[in-house]
């Protein structure tokens, strides 16, 4: 019984390692890099410089797999490096909100510049997601 459990654990580890390799290979093959970090049930996605149709599709594919696989309840979009976002970027945010909302989750946007804040406000996204604003203490 114990040997069978160890064998199952090894198989699960190999499968997870193979899936992570596939996702990384997919992004590298496309010439794009997207950084993500998972802590417990929270996924942080560091968005690229331009969040357009091409990048949005890759973010959708990867984030959907990570949310399913790791039972993610909270998603943080980090806009620190992002200078441009079109409607497909808004679609990515709305789709991830819909996905985690079903399980009582939340979506947060952080490190947004003034231009991106205006886009998010005008599109109505700020009504359903949380904006993380860091206050500077002097």
N, C-alpha and C. Protein backbone atom coordinates (compact mmCIF):
# COMPACT_ATOMS: atom_id res chain seq x y z
N UNK A 1 0.83 -1.19 0.00
CA UNK A 1 0.00 0.00 0.00
C UNK A 1 0.88 1.26 0.00
N UNK A 2 1.91 1.26 0.83
CA UNK A 2 2.81 2.41 0.93
C UNK A 2 3.60 2.60 -0.37
N UNK A 3 4.03 1.51 -0.98
CA UNK A 3 4.78 1.58 -2.23
C UNK A 3 3.88 2.15 -3.34
N UNK A 4 2.62 1.74 -3.35
CA UNK A 4 1.68 2.23 -4.35
C UNK A 4 1.48 3.75 -4.20
N UNK A 5 1.38 4.23 -2.96
CA UNK A 5 1.20 5.66 -2.70
C UNK A 5 2.42 6.45 -3.18
N UNK A 6 3.63 5.95 -2.91
CA UNK A 6 4.84 6.62 -3.37
C UNK A 6 4.90 6.66 -4.89
N UNK A 7 4.49 5.57 -5.53
CA UNK A 7 4.48 5.52 -6.98
C UNK A 7 3.50 6.55 -7.56
N UNK A 8 2.32 6.66 -6.95
CA UNK A 8 1.32 7.64 -7.40
C UNK A 8 1.85 9.07 -7.22
N UNK A 9 2.51 9.34 -6.10
CA UNK A 9 3.07 10.67 -5.87
C UNK A 9 4.11 11.01 -6.93
N UNK A 10 4.96 10.05 -7.28
CA UNK A 10 5.97 10.28 -8.32
C UNK A 10 5.32 10.58 -9.67
N UNK A 11 4.27 9.83 -9.99
CA UNK A 11 3.57 10.05 -11.26
C UNK A 11 2.93 11.42 -11.31
N UNK A 12 2.33 11.85 -10.21
CA UNK A 12 1.71 13.18 -10.15
C UNK A 12 2.78 14.25 -10.32
N UNK A 13 3.91 14.10 -9.64
CA UNK A 13 5.00 15.07 -9.75
C UNK A 13 5.51 15.16 -11.19
N UNK A 14 5.69 14.02 -11.83
CA UNK A 14 6.17 14.01 -13.22
C UNK A 14 5.18 14.70 -14.15
N UNK A 15 3.89 14.44 -13.93
CA UNK A 15 2.86 15.05 -14.77
C UNK A 15 2.84 16.57 -14.59
N UNK A 16 2.93 17.05 -13.34
CA UNK A 16 2.95 18.49 -13.08
C UNK A 16 4.18 19.14 -13.70
N UNK A 17 5.31 18.47 -13.57
CA UNK A 17 6.55 18.99 -14.13
C UNK A 17 6.43 19.09 -15.65
N UNK A 18 5.83 18.08 -16.26
CA UNK A 18 5.65 18.06 -17.71
C UNK A 18 4.70 19.18 -18.15
N UNK A 19 3.61 19.42 -17.41
CA UNK A 19 2.67 20.49 -17.74
C UNK A 19 3.32 21.85 -17.63
N UNK A 20 4.10 22.08 -16.57
CA UNK A 20 4.79 23.36 -16.41
C UNK A 20 5.79 23.57 -17.52
N UNK A 21 6.48 22.51 -17.94
CA UNK A 21 7.43 22.61 -19.04
C UNK A 21 6.70 22.98 -20.32
N UNK A 22 5.56 22.34 -20.56
CA UNK A 22 4.79 22.62 -21.77
C UNK A 22 4.37 24.08 -21.82
N UNK A 23 3.87 24.62 -20.70
CA UNK A 23 3.42 26.01 -20.67
C UNK A 23 4.59 26.97 -20.91
N UNK A 24 5.72 26.69 -20.28
CA UNK A 24 6.89 27.53 -20.47
C UNK A 24 7.38 27.45 -21.90
N UNK A 25 7.40 26.25 -22.47
CA UNK A 25 7.85 26.06 -23.84
C UNK A 25 6.92 26.81 -24.80
N UNK A 26 5.62 26.76 -24.55
CA UNK A 26 4.66 27.44 -25.41
C UNK A 26 4.93 28.93 -25.46
N UNK A 27 5.17 29.52 -24.30
CA UNK A 27 5.41 30.96 -24.24
C UNK A 27 6.75 31.33 -24.87
N UNK A 28 7.78 30.53 -24.64
CA UNK A 28 9.08 30.83 -25.21
C UNK A 28 9.07 30.68 -26.73
N UNK A 29 8.34 29.69 -27.21
CA UNK A 29 8.25 29.46 -28.64
C UNK A 29 7.59 30.65 -29.34
N UNK A 30 6.64 31.26 -28.67
CA UNK A 30 5.95 32.41 -29.22
C UNK A 30 6.78 33.69 -29.08
N UNK A 31 7.93 33.61 -28.38
CA UNK A 31 8.79 34.76 -28.21
C UNK A 31 8.31 35.72 -27.13
N UNK A 32 7.42 35.27 -26.29
CA UNK A 32 6.86 36.12 -25.23
C UNK A 32 7.21 35.52 -23.88
N UNK A 33 7.37 36.36 -22.93
CA UNK A 33 7.55 35.88 -21.57
C UNK A 33 6.50 36.52 -20.69
N UNK A 34 5.85 35.73 -19.91
CA UNK A 34 4.89 36.23 -18.94
C UNK A 34 5.27 35.65 -17.60
N UNK A 35 5.46 36.51 -16.65
CA UNK A 35 5.83 36.04 -15.33
C UNK A 35 4.56 35.86 -14.50
N UNK A 36 4.54 34.80 -13.74
CA UNK A 36 3.43 34.56 -12.84
C UNK A 36 3.97 33.96 -11.55
N UNK A 37 3.19 34.15 -10.50
CA UNK A 37 3.59 33.62 -9.20
C UNK A 37 2.34 33.12 -8.50
N UNK A 38 2.46 31.95 -7.91
CA UNK A 38 1.33 31.35 -7.19
C UNK A 38 1.72 31.21 -5.72
N UNK A 39 0.88 31.76 -4.85
CA UNK A 39 1.04 31.58 -3.41
C UNK A 39 -0.31 31.15 -2.86
N UNK A 40 -0.35 29.94 -2.35
CA UNK A 40 -1.58 29.32 -1.87
C UNK A 40 -2.65 29.38 -2.95
N UNK A 41 -3.72 30.16 -2.75
CA UNK A 41 -4.79 30.23 -3.75
C UNK A 41 -4.83 31.58 -4.46
N UNK A 42 -3.66 32.22 -4.57
CA UNK A 42 -3.55 33.53 -5.19
C UNK A 42 -2.57 33.48 -6.37
N UNK A 43 -3.02 33.98 -7.51
CA UNK A 43 -2.19 34.02 -8.72
C UNK A 43 -1.87 35.47 -9.04
N UNK A 44 -0.58 35.79 -9.15
CA UNK A 44 -0.15 37.11 -9.56
C UNK A 44 0.39 37.01 -10.99
N UNK A 45 -0.16 37.84 -11.88
CA UNK A 45 0.26 37.85 -13.27
C UNK A 45 0.92 39.19 -13.57
N UNK A 46 2.21 39.15 -13.90
CA UNK A 46 2.94 40.35 -14.30
C UNK A 46 2.73 40.53 -15.79
N UNK A 47 1.99 41.55 -16.15
CA UNK A 47 1.60 41.75 -17.53
C UNK A 47 2.74 42.34 -18.37
N UNK A 48 2.74 42.06 -19.68
CA UNK A 48 3.81 42.56 -20.56
C UNK A 48 3.66 44.05 -20.86
N UNK A 49 4.62 44.59 -21.58
CA UNK A 49 4.64 46.02 -21.92
C UNK A 49 3.38 46.42 -22.69
N UNK A 50 2.98 45.62 -23.65
CA UNK A 50 1.79 45.88 -24.43
C UNK A 50 0.79 44.74 -24.25
N UNK A 51 -0.37 45.08 -23.75
CA UNK A 51 -1.43 44.08 -23.56
C UNK A 51 -2.40 44.21 -24.72
N UNK A 52 -2.05 43.57 -25.84
CA UNK A 52 -2.87 43.63 -27.04
C UNK A 52 -3.43 42.25 -27.36
N UNK A 53 -4.02 42.11 -28.53
CA UNK A 53 -4.69 40.86 -28.90
C UNK A 53 -3.76 39.64 -28.82
N UNK A 54 -2.53 39.78 -29.29
CA UNK A 54 -1.61 38.64 -29.32
C UNK A 54 -1.21 38.20 -27.91
N UNK A 55 -0.88 39.15 -27.06
CA UNK A 55 -0.50 38.82 -25.69
C UNK A 55 -1.70 38.35 -24.88
N UNK A 56 -2.87 38.92 -25.16
CA UNK A 56 -4.07 38.57 -24.40
C UNK A 56 -4.41 37.09 -24.57
N UNK A 57 -4.26 36.58 -25.76
CA UNK A 57 -4.57 35.16 -26.02
C UNK A 57 -3.67 34.24 -25.20
N UNK A 58 -2.40 34.56 -25.14
CA UNK A 58 -1.46 33.75 -24.37
C UNK A 58 -1.75 33.84 -22.87
N UNK A 59 -2.09 35.02 -22.41
CA UNK A 59 -2.41 35.19 -20.99
C UNK A 59 -3.67 34.40 -20.64
N UNK A 60 -4.66 34.43 -21.51
CA UNK A 60 -5.89 33.66 -21.30
C UNK A 60 -5.58 32.17 -21.16
N UNK A 61 -4.82 31.64 -22.08
CA UNK A 61 -4.53 30.20 -22.08
C UNK A 61 -3.81 29.79 -20.80
N UNK A 62 -2.76 30.51 -20.47
CA UNK A 62 -1.96 30.15 -19.30
C UNK A 62 -2.73 30.36 -18.00
N UNK A 63 -3.39 31.50 -17.86
CA UNK A 63 -4.08 31.78 -16.61
C UNK A 63 -5.24 30.81 -16.39
N UNK A 64 -5.95 30.45 -17.45
CA UNK A 64 -7.04 29.47 -17.29
C UNK A 64 -6.53 28.14 -16.78
N UNK A 65 -5.41 27.68 -17.32
CA UNK A 65 -4.83 26.41 -16.86
C UNK A 65 -4.38 26.51 -15.41
N UNK A 66 -3.76 27.62 -15.05
CA UNK A 66 -3.26 27.77 -13.68
C UNK A 66 -4.41 27.87 -12.68
N UNK A 67 -5.47 28.57 -13.05
CA UNK A 67 -6.62 28.70 -12.14
C UNK A 67 -7.26 27.34 -11.92
N UNK A 68 -7.44 26.57 -12.97
CA UNK A 68 -8.03 25.24 -12.85
C UNK A 68 -7.15 24.30 -12.04
N UNK A 69 -5.89 24.28 -12.38
CA UNK A 69 -4.96 23.32 -11.79
C UNK A 69 -4.68 23.59 -10.31
N UNK A 70 -4.60 24.87 -9.93
CA UNK A 70 -4.21 25.23 -8.56
C UNK A 70 -5.35 25.76 -7.70
N UNK A 71 -6.59 25.67 -8.21
CA UNK A 71 -7.77 26.12 -7.46
C UNK A 71 -7.60 27.56 -6.98
N UNK A 72 -7.26 28.43 -7.90
CA UNK A 72 -7.00 29.84 -7.60
C UNK A 72 -8.31 30.54 -7.28
N UNK A 73 -8.27 31.37 -6.24
CA UNK A 73 -9.44 32.14 -5.83
C UNK A 73 -9.22 33.64 -6.01
N UNK A 74 -7.96 34.07 -5.98
CA UNK A 74 -7.63 35.49 -6.11
C UNK A 74 -6.62 35.68 -7.24
N UNK A 75 -6.87 36.66 -8.10
CA UNK A 75 -5.95 36.98 -9.19
C UNK A 75 -5.52 38.43 -9.06
N UNK A 76 -4.21 38.66 -9.08
CA UNK A 76 -3.65 40.01 -9.05
C UNK A 76 -3.00 40.28 -10.41
N UNK A 77 -3.45 41.31 -11.09
CA UNK A 77 -2.82 41.74 -12.34
C UNK A 77 -1.85 42.86 -12.00
N UNK A 78 -0.57 42.64 -12.26
CA UNK A 78 0.46 43.63 -12.00
C UNK A 78 0.77 44.38 -13.30
N UNK A 79 0.40 45.67 -13.34
CA UNK A 79 0.57 46.50 -14.52
C UNK A 79 1.86 47.31 -14.49
N UNK A 80 2.82 46.94 -13.67
CA UNK A 80 4.03 47.72 -13.49
C UNK A 80 4.76 47.99 -14.80
N UNK A 81 4.87 47.02 -15.67
CA UNK A 81 5.61 47.17 -16.93
C UNK A 81 4.72 47.50 -18.12
N UNK A 82 3.41 47.65 -17.89
CA UNK A 82 2.46 47.82 -18.99
C UNK A 82 2.28 49.29 -19.33
N UNK A 83 2.44 49.61 -20.63
CA UNK A 83 2.25 50.97 -21.11
C UNK A 83 1.06 51.10 -22.05
N UNK A 84 0.60 49.97 -22.61
CA UNK A 84 -0.49 50.00 -23.57
C UNK A 84 -1.43 48.84 -23.32
N UNK A 85 -2.74 49.12 -23.40
CA UNK A 85 -3.74 48.07 -23.27
C UNK A 85 -4.92 48.42 -24.17
N UNK A 86 -5.39 47.45 -24.93
CA UNK A 86 -6.58 47.67 -25.76
C UNK A 86 -7.75 46.86 -25.20
N UNK A 87 -8.82 46.77 -25.97
CA UNK A 87 -10.04 46.11 -25.49
C UNK A 87 -9.83 44.63 -25.19
N UNK A 88 -8.89 43.99 -25.86
CA UNK A 88 -8.64 42.58 -25.56
C UNK A 88 -8.03 42.41 -24.17
N UNK A 89 -7.28 43.40 -23.71
CA UNK A 89 -6.76 43.38 -22.34
C UNK A 89 -7.88 43.48 -21.32
N UNK A 90 -8.86 44.31 -21.62
CA UNK A 90 -10.04 44.42 -20.75
C UNK A 90 -10.79 43.09 -20.75
N UNK A 91 -10.86 42.44 -21.92
CA UNK A 91 -11.50 41.14 -22.01
C UNK A 91 -10.82 40.08 -21.15
N UNK A 92 -9.49 40.14 -21.09
CA UNK A 92 -8.74 39.20 -20.24
C UNK A 92 -9.13 39.39 -18.78
N UNK A 93 -9.18 40.63 -18.35
CA UNK A 93 -9.54 40.93 -16.95
C UNK A 93 -10.96 40.47 -16.66
N UNK A 94 -11.89 40.80 -17.56
CA UNK A 94 -13.30 40.43 -17.34
C UNK A 94 -13.48 38.90 -17.33
N UNK A 95 -12.79 38.22 -18.22
CA UNK A 95 -12.89 36.75 -18.26
C UNK A 95 -12.36 36.09 -17.01
N UNK A 96 -11.23 36.59 -16.48
CA UNK A 96 -10.67 36.02 -15.26
C UNK A 96 -11.57 36.35 -14.07
N UNK A 97 -12.19 37.55 -14.08
CA UNK A 97 -13.14 37.90 -13.02
C UNK A 97 -14.31 36.91 -13.02
N UNK A 98 -14.86 36.65 -14.19
CA UNK A 98 -15.98 35.73 -14.30
C UNK A 98 -15.60 34.34 -13.80
N UNK A 99 -14.35 33.95 -14.09
CA UNK A 99 -13.89 32.61 -13.72
C UNK A 99 -13.76 32.46 -12.20
N UNK A 100 -13.16 33.42 -11.52
CA UNK A 100 -12.96 33.27 -10.07
C UNK A 100 -14.16 33.74 -9.27
N UNK A 101 -15.01 34.55 -9.86
CA UNK A 101 -16.21 35.04 -9.16
C UNK A 101 -17.14 33.89 -8.81
N UNK A 102 -17.17 32.86 -9.64
CA UNK A 102 -18.04 31.71 -9.39
C UNK A 102 -17.71 31.01 -8.08
N UNK A 103 -16.45 31.13 -7.64
CA UNK A 103 -16.01 30.47 -6.41
C UNK A 103 -15.82 31.47 -5.28
N UNK A 104 -16.38 32.67 -5.41
CA UNK A 104 -16.27 33.69 -4.37
C UNK A 104 -14.93 34.38 -4.37
N UNK A 105 -14.23 34.36 -5.47
CA UNK A 105 -12.91 34.98 -5.55
C UNK A 105 -12.96 36.44 -5.93
N UNK A 106 -11.78 37.05 -6.02
CA UNK A 106 -11.67 38.46 -6.35
C UNK A 106 -10.53 38.68 -7.34
N UNK A 107 -10.63 39.78 -8.08
CA UNK A 107 -9.58 40.20 -8.99
C UNK A 107 -9.10 41.58 -8.57
N UNK A 108 -7.79 41.76 -8.56
CA UNK A 108 -7.16 43.01 -8.16
C UNK A 108 -6.26 43.50 -9.28
N UNK A 109 -6.17 44.82 -9.42
CA UNK A 109 -5.21 45.45 -10.33
C UNK A 109 -4.25 46.27 -9.48
N UNK A 110 -2.96 46.15 -9.77
CA UNK A 110 -1.98 46.90 -8.99
C UNK A 110 -0.92 47.51 -9.91
N UNK A 111 -0.28 48.55 -9.40
CA UNK A 111 0.77 49.28 -10.13
C UNK A 111 0.27 49.83 -11.46
N UNK A 112 -0.92 50.39 -11.46
CA UNK A 112 -1.47 50.98 -12.69
C UNK A 112 -1.04 52.44 -12.78
N UNK A 113 -0.65 52.86 -13.98
CA UNK A 113 -0.33 54.27 -14.18
C UNK A 113 -1.63 55.04 -14.46
N UNK A 114 -1.54 56.35 -14.58
CA UNK A 114 -2.73 57.18 -14.75
C UNK A 114 -3.50 56.84 -16.04
N UNK A 115 -2.78 56.56 -17.10
CA UNK A 115 -3.42 56.23 -18.37
C UNK A 115 -4.22 54.93 -18.27
N UNK A 116 -3.64 53.92 -17.64
CA UNK A 116 -4.35 52.64 -17.48
C UNK A 116 -5.52 52.76 -16.51
N UNK A 117 -5.37 53.58 -15.47
CA UNK A 117 -6.49 53.80 -14.55
C UNK A 117 -7.67 54.41 -15.29
N UNK A 118 -7.37 55.36 -16.17
CA UNK A 118 -8.43 56.01 -16.95
C UNK A 118 -9.12 54.99 -17.86
N UNK A 119 -8.35 54.13 -18.52
CA UNK A 119 -8.93 53.10 -19.39
C UNK A 119 -9.82 52.16 -18.58
N UNK A 120 -9.35 51.74 -17.41
CA UNK A 120 -10.12 50.83 -16.57
C UNK A 120 -11.39 51.50 -16.05
N UNK A 121 -11.31 52.77 -15.68
CA UNK A 121 -12.49 53.51 -15.22
C UNK A 121 -13.52 53.67 -16.34
N UNK A 122 -13.04 54.09 -17.53
CA UNK A 122 -13.96 54.33 -18.66
C UNK A 122 -14.65 53.05 -19.12
N UNK A 123 -13.97 51.92 -19.01
CA UNK A 123 -14.55 50.66 -19.44
C UNK A 123 -15.50 50.07 -18.38
N UNK A 124 -15.47 50.61 -17.18
CA UNK A 124 -16.35 50.11 -16.11
C UNK A 124 -15.76 48.96 -15.33
N UNK A 125 -14.53 48.59 -15.63
CA UNK A 125 -13.90 47.46 -14.94
C UNK A 125 -13.70 47.75 -13.46
N UNK A 126 -13.47 49.01 -13.11
CA UNK A 126 -13.21 49.35 -11.70
C UNK A 126 -14.43 49.13 -10.81
N UNK A 127 -15.59 48.92 -11.41
CA UNK A 127 -16.79 48.64 -10.62
C UNK A 127 -16.82 47.21 -10.11
N UNK A 128 -16.08 46.31 -10.76
CA UNK A 128 -16.14 44.91 -10.37
C UNK A 128 -14.82 44.37 -9.83
N UNK A 129 -13.70 45.05 -10.11
CA UNK A 129 -12.42 44.59 -9.57
C UNK A 129 -11.92 45.62 -8.57
N UNK A 130 -10.97 45.19 -7.77
CA UNK A 130 -10.38 46.07 -6.77
C UNK A 130 -9.09 46.69 -7.31
N UNK A 131 -8.87 47.94 -6.98
CA UNK A 131 -7.65 48.64 -7.38
C UNK A 131 -6.78 48.74 -6.14
N UNK A 132 -5.57 48.21 -6.23
CA UNK A 132 -4.63 48.29 -5.13
C UNK A 132 -3.80 49.55 -5.30
N UNK A 133 -3.95 50.46 -4.37
CA UNK A 133 -3.21 51.73 -4.42
C UNK A 133 -2.29 51.77 -3.21
N UNK A 134 -1.03 51.92 -3.48
CA UNK A 134 -0.05 51.96 -2.42
C UNK A 134 0.17 53.42 -2.02
N UNK A 135 0.03 53.69 -0.74
CA UNK A 135 0.23 55.05 -0.26
C UNK A 135 1.68 55.20 0.21
N UNK A 136 2.28 56.29 -0.19
CA UNK A 136 3.66 56.57 0.21
C UNK A 136 3.66 57.27 1.56
N UNK A 137 4.45 56.78 2.46
CA UNK A 137 4.59 57.40 3.77
C UNK A 137 5.92 58.14 3.82
N UNK A 138 5.88 59.42 4.11
CA UNK A 138 7.11 60.21 4.17
C UNK A 138 7.40 60.60 5.59
